[in-house]
Protein backbone atom coordinates (compact mmCIF):
# COMPACT_ATOMS: atom_id res chain seq x y z
CA MET A 1 74.37 74.69 165.89
CA THR A 2 71.29 76.07 164.15
CA ASP A 3 68.04 76.91 165.89
CA ARG A 4 66.33 74.08 164.04
CA GLU A 5 68.87 71.59 165.36
CA LEU A 6 68.55 72.96 168.89
CA ILE A 7 64.76 72.64 168.75
CA ARG A 8 65.03 69.10 167.40
CA LYS A 9 67.35 68.19 170.29
CA LEU A 10 65.04 69.92 172.75
CA HIS A 11 62.06 67.93 171.43
CA THR A 12 64.02 64.71 171.93
CA GLY A 13 64.61 65.58 175.59
CA ASP A 14 68.13 67.03 175.40
CA ARG A 15 67.96 69.77 178.06
CA SER A 16 71.44 71.05 177.16
CA ALA A 17 69.81 72.42 173.99
CA LEU A 18 67.67 74.64 176.21
CA ASP A 19 70.80 76.00 177.89
CA ARG A 20 72.25 76.82 174.49
CA ILE A 21 69.04 78.58 173.39
CA VAL A 22 69.00 80.69 176.55
CA GLU A 23 72.69 81.47 176.15
CA LYS A 24 72.22 82.41 172.49
CA TYR A 25 69.21 84.73 172.92
CA TYR A 26 69.22 85.95 176.51
CA ASP A 27 71.06 89.21 175.81
CA ASP A 28 68.88 90.15 172.83
CA ILE A 29 65.66 89.50 174.72
CA TYR A 30 66.96 91.37 177.76
CA LYS A 31 67.92 94.42 175.65
CA PHE A 32 64.49 94.47 174.04
CA CYS A 33 62.76 94.30 177.44
CA LEU A 34 65.06 96.97 178.85
CA TYR A 35 64.32 99.33 175.96
CA MET A 36 60.63 98.73 176.43
CA THR A 37 60.44 99.01 180.23
CA MET A 38 63.43 101.25 181.03
CA ASP A 39 63.85 99.27 184.24
CA GLU A 40 66.70 96.78 184.71
CA THR A 41 65.11 94.76 187.50
CA ASP A 42 61.75 94.44 185.78
CA SER A 43 63.51 93.55 182.52
CA TYR A 44 65.38 90.70 184.22
CA ASP A 45 62.11 89.43 185.64
CA ILE A 46 60.37 89.63 182.26
CA VAL A 47 63.23 87.81 180.52
CA GLN A 48 63.08 85.04 183.11
CA GLU A 49 59.36 84.74 182.44
CA VAL A 50 60.00 84.66 178.66
CA PHE A 51 62.23 81.63 179.01
CA LEU A 52 59.95 79.97 181.56
CA ARG A 53 57.07 80.27 179.11
CA PHE A 54 59.25 79.00 176.29
CA ILE A 55 60.24 75.99 178.40
CA LYS A 56 56.60 75.35 179.29
CA TYR A 57 55.53 75.30 175.64
CA ALA A 58 58.78 74.15 174.00
CA ASP A 59 57.30 70.78 173.03
CA SER A 60 54.71 72.51 170.88
CA TYR A 61 57.12 75.02 169.28
CA THR A 62 57.09 74.75 165.48
CA HIS A 63 57.93 78.27 164.27
CA GLY A 64 60.90 78.88 161.98
CA ASN A 65 62.27 82.02 163.63
CA LEU A 66 63.21 81.28 167.23
CA LYS A 67 64.41 84.79 168.07
CA GLY A 68 61.20 86.22 166.63
CA TYR A 69 59.15 83.77 168.69
CA LEU A 70 60.98 84.75 171.87
CA LEU A 71 60.51 88.44 171.03
CA ILE A 72 56.78 87.85 170.61
CA ILE A 73 56.66 86.34 174.10
CA ALA A 74 58.73 89.27 175.43
CA ARG A 75 56.47 91.78 173.68
CA ASN A 76 53.37 90.25 175.21
CA LEU A 77 54.93 90.19 178.66
CA CYS A 78 56.03 93.82 178.29
CA ARG A 79 52.48 94.76 177.38
CA ASP A 80 51.25 92.93 180.49
CA TYR A 81 53.85 94.85 182.47
CA PHE A 82 52.54 98.18 181.17
CA ARG A 83 48.94 97.22 181.85
CA LYS A 84 49.88 96.39 185.41
CA ARG A 85 51.81 99.63 185.81
CA GLU A 86 48.94 101.61 184.33
CA LYS A 87 46.67 100.16 186.98
CA GLU A 88 49.15 101.12 189.66
CA LYS A 89 49.53 104.61 188.12
CA THR A 90 53.25 104.72 188.75
CA VAL A 91 55.79 105.88 186.25
CA ASN A 92 59.45 105.45 186.99
CA LEU A 93 61.80 106.92 184.40
CA THR A 94 65.31 106.44 185.71
CA ALA A 95 68.79 106.68 184.35
CA ASP A 96 69.70 103.14 185.43
CA THR A 97 70.34 102.08 181.85
CA VAL A 98 73.05 104.67 181.34
CA SER A 99 76.50 103.24 181.88
CA GLU A 100 79.33 105.30 183.34
CA ARG A 101 81.63 104.66 180.38
CA ASP A 102 79.35 106.58 178.02
CA GLY A 103 80.52 109.87 179.48
CA ILE A 104 78.30 112.67 180.67
CA GLU A 105 77.31 114.01 177.25
CA GLY A 106 76.64 110.58 175.79
CA ALA A 107 74.76 109.59 178.91
CA GLU A 108 72.58 112.68 178.72
CA GLN A 109 71.79 112.02 175.06
CA LYS A 110 70.98 108.39 175.74
CA LEU A 111 68.78 109.29 178.70
CA LEU A 112 66.99 111.95 176.66
CA LEU A 113 66.32 109.55 173.76
CA ASP A 114 65.18 106.84 176.15
CA MET A 115 62.81 109.27 177.88
CA ILE A 116 61.44 110.41 174.53
CA LEU A 117 61.06 106.78 173.46
CA GLN A 118 59.05 106.11 176.64
CA LYS A 119 56.59 108.84 175.62
CA LEU A 120 55.67 107.01 172.41
CA PRO A 121 52.53 104.90 172.29
CA ILE A 122 53.41 101.24 172.90
CA GLU A 123 52.83 100.21 169.26
CA GLN A 124 55.18 102.89 167.96
CA ARG A 125 57.75 102.26 170.70
CA GLU A 126 58.00 98.54 170.08
CA THR A 127 58.27 99.12 166.33
CA VAL A 128 61.05 101.68 166.72
CA VAL A 129 62.91 99.46 169.20
CA LEU A 130 62.64 96.38 166.97
CA ARG A 131 63.69 98.34 163.89
CA PHE A 132 66.59 100.39 165.20
CA ARG A 133 67.84 98.73 168.35
CA GLU A 134 67.21 95.12 167.35
CA GLU A 135 67.91 95.97 163.68
CA LEU A 136 65.09 93.80 162.36
CA ARG A 137 63.61 94.14 158.89
CA PHE A 138 60.08 95.47 158.47
CA GLN A 139 58.89 92.03 157.31
CA ASP A 140 60.24 90.38 160.47
CA ILE A 141 58.70 93.06 162.67
CA ALA A 142 55.35 92.57 160.92
CA ARG A 143 55.47 88.85 161.71
CA ILE A 144 56.41 89.50 165.34
CA LEU A 145 53.69 92.13 165.82
CA ASP A 146 51.17 90.20 163.74
CA CYS A 147 50.33 93.11 161.45
CA SER A 148 51.03 94.20 157.88
CA VAL A 149 54.35 95.57 156.69
CA SER A 150 52.65 98.86 155.78
CA THR A 151 51.34 99.14 159.35
CA VAL A 152 54.85 98.57 160.70
CA LYS A 153 56.29 101.21 158.36
CA SER A 154 53.57 103.65 159.33
CA ARG A 155 54.10 103.08 163.07
CA CYS A 156 57.84 103.48 162.63
CA ARG A 157 57.45 106.68 160.63
CA LEU A 158 54.98 108.12 163.15
CA GLY A 159 57.21 107.14 166.05
CA ILE A 160 60.26 108.79 164.51
CA ARG A 161 58.25 111.90 163.67
CA ARG A 162 56.98 112.12 167.24
CA MET A 163 60.49 111.59 168.64
CA ARG A 164 61.80 114.42 166.44
CA LYS A 165 59.07 116.77 167.67
CA GLU A 166 59.84 115.89 171.29
CA LEU A 167 63.56 116.44 170.68
CA GLU A 168 62.92 119.80 169.01
CA ALA A 169 60.72 120.86 171.91
CA TYR A 170 63.42 119.83 174.36
CA GLU A 171 66.11 121.76 172.45
CA ARG A 172 63.99 124.94 172.47
CA LYS A 173 63.93 124.93 176.29
């Protein structure tokens, strides 16, 4: 069933359509939040809030790209999360996202890249995550972030450049 059909059913009061939307997009939204926050528990909480907000405003939803709309909500909630954490002045970079099956070397590489990704400014981080982990096109990212395609490309390029410098600095140690 297409997103358009699910939304139509949702607007007519069919709550099973909401279950299907959550089932269809939960994992993608969770991964995005996890890449942004680097915290499993907080990511679960943010994803729950994403879908609660979607439910609250579902009757007024008219966008064409449902996944993009949910990512916009997730992005805004992740930004709120960082503002709150900034106020608390606590930074918690953990290896919770590394699974045991990745092996030690793969786990170390993943942890290193995730830590480097956390060092990026939020605009560059979200662009890099949307581009490479969510595999979205620059045009889609521009719509989600409400900026021009050239801005998205620039942020992505700067983010990658900064990640390379951080990686080179790490390798020199």
